[in-house]
Structure formats: C-alpha cells, structure tokens
Amino acid sequence: MERVDVTILGREYSLVCAASERESLLAAVKHADRLMGSIHASGKISGNERIAVMAAIAIAGELLTMKAPDGPLGGLAIGDFKRRIEDMNTMIDGVLDS
C-alpha cells in the first residue's frame, strides 16, 4: 500500500491504495475534482458537503447509464443489467418460497 496526496476542490487529502491502483485512483480524483469544480462554479450549490453529494449522485448516474461493451450484453446500460439481475433473483426467490 502506498500513500497518495491529492487535492479535491482546493482541499488536501491523503489516500492509501495499492501501487497497482494508483493511476486509477488519480484518474478518479481528477474526474471528481473536475465535476465538483464545475458544480461549485455554477454558483447554484454552496458548501463542500453539498457539492460532494451532488457530484456523487452525478457519478453514480454516469455509472448506471454506462453501456456494456460489445458482446451478449452489448449496449445494455449497467443499471438496466443490475435491475434485470435483481428481477431474476426476485423470481427465483418466489419459486423457492412456493
């Protein structure tokens, strides 16, 4: 594990990650900082906590609408895939409970 010092919305943070995850962590920090900076610059939301929550919601939305790569699930949004798995689990539970 290694320590990584980063700046997000002007504040310093020390994070810890595996050496193999350093580049991914830095990319994630850059994405979050850019999004939080954009939210802050809009002037509609104030306070770092509120900005962080709005950025987290936006990033979760990005993740859930991200499309799967080519293959049997190609073009399917991750959120849709998750919902389909949950629906299948509910159906299986219903059959097992009968």
C-alpha atoms as a PDB file:
ATOM      1  CA  MET A   1       0.000   0.000   0.000  1.00  0.00           C
ATOM      2  CA  GLU A   2       1.159   3.491  -0.714  1.00  0.00           C
ATOM      3  CA  ARG A   3       0.061   6.945   0.323  1.00  0.00           C
ATOM      4  CA  VAL A   4      -1.185   9.308  -2.366  1.00  0.00           C
ATOM      5  CA  ASP A   5      -1.663  13.007  -1.623  1.00  0.00           C
ATOM      6  CA  VAL A   6      -4.358  14.661  -3.730  1.00  0.00           C
ATOM      7  CA  THR A   7      -6.251  17.942  -3.899  1.00  0.00           C
ATOM      8  CA  ILE A   8     -10.008  17.979  -4.360  1.00  0.00           C
ATOM      9  CA  LEU A   9     -11.834  21.303  -4.584  1.00  0.00           C
ATOM     10  CA  GLY A  10      -8.826  23.054  -3.080  1.00  0.00           C
ATOM     11  CA  ARG A  11      -8.506  20.752  -0.065  1.00  0.00           C
ATOM     12  CA  GLU A  12      -5.647  18.329   0.527  1.00  0.00           C
ATOM     13  CA  TYR A  13      -6.372  14.647   1.199  1.00  0.00           C
ATOM     14  CA  SER A  14      -4.062  11.707   1.868  1.00  0.00           C
ATOM     15  CA  LEU A  15      -5.371   8.446   0.442  1.00  0.00           C
ATOM     16  CA  VAL A  16      -3.977   4.927   0.557  1.00  0.00           C
ATOM     17  CA  CYS A  17      -4.106   2.420  -2.279  1.00  0.00           C
ATOM     18  CA  ALA A  18      -2.217  -0.494  -3.762  1.00  0.00           C
ATOM     19  CA  ALA A  19       0.585   0.585  -6.092  1.00  0.00           C
ATOM     20  CA  SER A  20      -1.231  -1.110  -8.980  1.00  0.00           C
ATOM     21  CA  GLU A  21      -4.320   1.070  -8.338  1.00  0.00           C
ATOM     22  CA  ARG A  22      -2.504   4.420  -8.187  1.00  0.00           C
ATOM     23  CA  GLU A  23      -3.251   5.536 -11.755  1.00  0.00           C
ATOM     24  CA  SER A  24      -6.930   4.564 -11.478  1.00  0.00           C
ATOM     25  CA  LEU A  25      -7.207   6.424  -8.183  1.00  0.00           C
ATOM     26  CA  LEU A  26      -5.609   9.544  -9.649  1.00  0.00           C
ATOM     27  CA  ALA A  27      -7.972   9.401 -12.642  1.00  0.00           C
ATOM     28  CA  ALA A  28     -10.962   9.075 -10.296  1.00  0.00           C
ATOM     29  CA  VAL A  29      -9.741  12.006  -8.190  1.00  0.00           C
ATOM     30  CA  LYS A  30      -9.265  14.113 -11.318  1.00  0.00           C
ATOM     31  CA  HIS A  31     -12.793  13.269 -12.528  1.00  0.00           C
ATOM     32  CA  ALA A  32     -14.357  14.026  -9.121  1.00  0.00           C
ATOM     33  CA  ASP A  33     -12.401  17.271  -8.730  1.00  0.00           C
ATOM     34  CA  ARG A  34     -13.362  18.442 -12.215  1.00  0.00           C
ATOM     35  CA  LEU A  35     -17.044  17.654 -11.615  1.00  0.00           C
ATOM     36  CA  MET A  36     -17.058  19.244  -8.153  1.00  0.00           C
ATOM     37  CA  GLY A  37     -15.329  22.332  -9.566  1.00  0.00           C
ATOM     38  CA  SER A  38     -17.979  22.591 -12.260  1.00  0.00           C
ATOM     39  CA  ILE A  39     -20.780  22.294  -9.688  1.00  0.00           C
ATOM     40  CA  HIS A  40     -19.090  24.909  -7.489  1.00  0.00           C
ATOM     41  CA  ALA A  41     -18.571  27.279 -10.432  1.00  0.00           C
ATOM     42  CA  SER A  42     -22.259  27.087 -11.368  1.00  0.00           C
ATOM     43  CA  GLY A  43     -22.973  29.039  -8.174  1.00  0.00           C
ATOM     44  CA  LYS A  44     -26.213  27.127  -7.614  1.00  0.00           C
ATOM     45  CA  ILE A  45     -24.886  24.939  -4.798  1.00  0.00           C
ATOM     46  CA  SER A  46     -22.682  26.066  -1.933  1.00  0.00           C
ATOM     47  CA  GLY A  47     -20.830  24.156   0.735  1.00  0.00           C
ATOM     48  CA  ASN A  48     -18.332  21.413   0.058  1.00  0.00           C
ATOM     49  CA  GLU A  49     -20.544  18.706   1.566  1.00  0.00           C
ATOM     50  CA  ARG A  50     -23.495  19.566  -0.704  1.00  0.00           C
ATOM     51  CA  ILE A  51     -21.169  19.813  -3.712  1.00  0.00           C
ATOM     52  CA  ALA A  52     -19.696  16.391  -2.855  1.00  0.00           C
ATOM     53  CA  VAL A  53     -23.173  14.836  -2.576  1.00  0.00           C
ATOM     54  CA  MET A  54     -24.255  16.298  -5.922  1.00  0.00           C
ATOM     55  CA  ALA A  55     -21.032  15.070  -7.545  1.00  0.00           C
ATOM     56  CA  ALA A  56     -21.541  11.583  -6.063  1.00  0.00           C
ATOM     57  CA  ILE A  57     -25.072  11.464  -7.470  1.00  0.00           C
ATOM     58  CA  ALA A  58     -23.835  12.603 -10.886  1.00  0.00           C
ATOM     59  CA  ILE A  59     -21.053   9.991 -10.914  1.00  0.00           C
ATOM     60  CA  ALA A  60     -23.486   7.243  -9.834  1.00  0.00           C
ATOM     61  CA  GLY A  61     -25.775   8.316 -12.672  1.00  0.00           C
ATOM     62  CA  GLU A  62     -22.866   8.114 -15.122  1.00  0.00           C
ATOM     63  CA  LEU A  63     -22.063   4.610 -13.905  1.00  0.00           C
ATOM     64  CA  LEU A  64     -25.642   3.348 -14.102  1.00  0.00           C
ATOM     65  CA  THR A  65     -26.157   4.668 -17.638  1.00  0.00           C
ATOM     66  CA  MET A  66     -22.781   3.413 -18.902  1.00  0.00           C
ATOM     67  CA  LYS A  67     -23.238   0.903 -21.689  1.00  0.00           C
ATOM     68  CA  ALA A  68     -21.711  -2.560 -21.577  1.00  0.00           C
ATOM     69  CA  PRO A  69     -19.072  -3.253 -24.251  1.00  0.00           C
ATOM     70  CA  ASP A  70     -19.720  -5.451 -27.258  1.00  0.00           C
ATOM     71  CA  GLY A  71     -20.819  -8.992 -26.578  1.00  0.00           C
ATOM     72  CA  PRO A  72     -24.007 -10.680 -25.465  1.00  0.00           C
ATOM     73  CA  LEU A  73     -24.858  -7.705 -23.243  1.00  0.00           C
ATOM     74  CA  GLY A  74     -23.543  -5.064 -25.638  1.00  0.00           C
ATOM     75  CA  GLY A  75     -25.410  -1.789 -25.471  1.00  0.00           C
ATOM     76  CA  LEU A  76     -27.168  -2.642 -22.216  1.00  0.00           C
ATOM     77  CA  ALA A  77     -26.778   0.018 -19.523  1.00  0.00           C
ATOM     78  CA  ILE A  78     -25.142  -1.181 -16.313  1.00  0.00           C
ATOM     79  CA  GLY A  79     -28.171  -0.005 -14.307  1.00  0.00           C
ATOM     80  CA  ASP A  80     -30.521  -1.989 -16.566  1.00  0.00           C
ATOM     81  CA  PHE A  81     -28.318  -5.051 -16.190  1.00  0.00           C
ATOM     82  CA  LYS A  82     -28.385  -4.651 -12.396  1.00  0.00           C
ATOM     83  CA  ARG A  83     -32.192  -4.325 -12.422  1.00  0.00           C
ATOM     84  CA  ARG A  84     -32.546  -7.443 -14.586  1.00  0.00           C
ATOM     85  CA  ILE A  85     -30.364  -9.447 -12.187  1.00  0.00           C
ATOM     86  CA  GLU A  86     -32.454  -8.196  -9.242  1.00  0.00           C
ATOM     87  CA  ASP A  87     -35.672  -9.162 -11.097  1.00  0.00           C
ATOM     88  CA  MET A  88     -34.297 -12.650 -11.765  1.00  0.00           C
ATOM     89  CA  ASN A  89     -33.321 -13.038  -8.112  1.00  0.00           C
ATOM     90  CA  THR A  90     -36.834 -12.000  -7.066  1.00  0.00           C
ATOM     91  CA  MET A  91     -38.375 -14.564  -9.435  1.00  0.00           C
ATOM     92  CA  ILE A  92     -36.042 -17.294  -8.160  1.00  0.00           C
ATOM     93  CA  ASP A  93     -36.861 -16.397  -4.550  1.00  0.00           C
ATOM     94  CA  GLY A  94     -40.576 -16.557  -5.401  1.00  0.00           C
ATOM     95  CA  VAL A  95     -40.222 -20.028  -6.904  1.00  0.00           C
ATOM     96  CA  LEU A  96     -38.141 -21.285  -3.980  1.00  0.00           C
ATOM     97  CA  ASP A  97     -40.643 -19.914  -1.468  1.00  0.00           C
ATOM     98  CA  SER A  98     -43.537 -21.750  -3.168  1.00  0.00           C
END
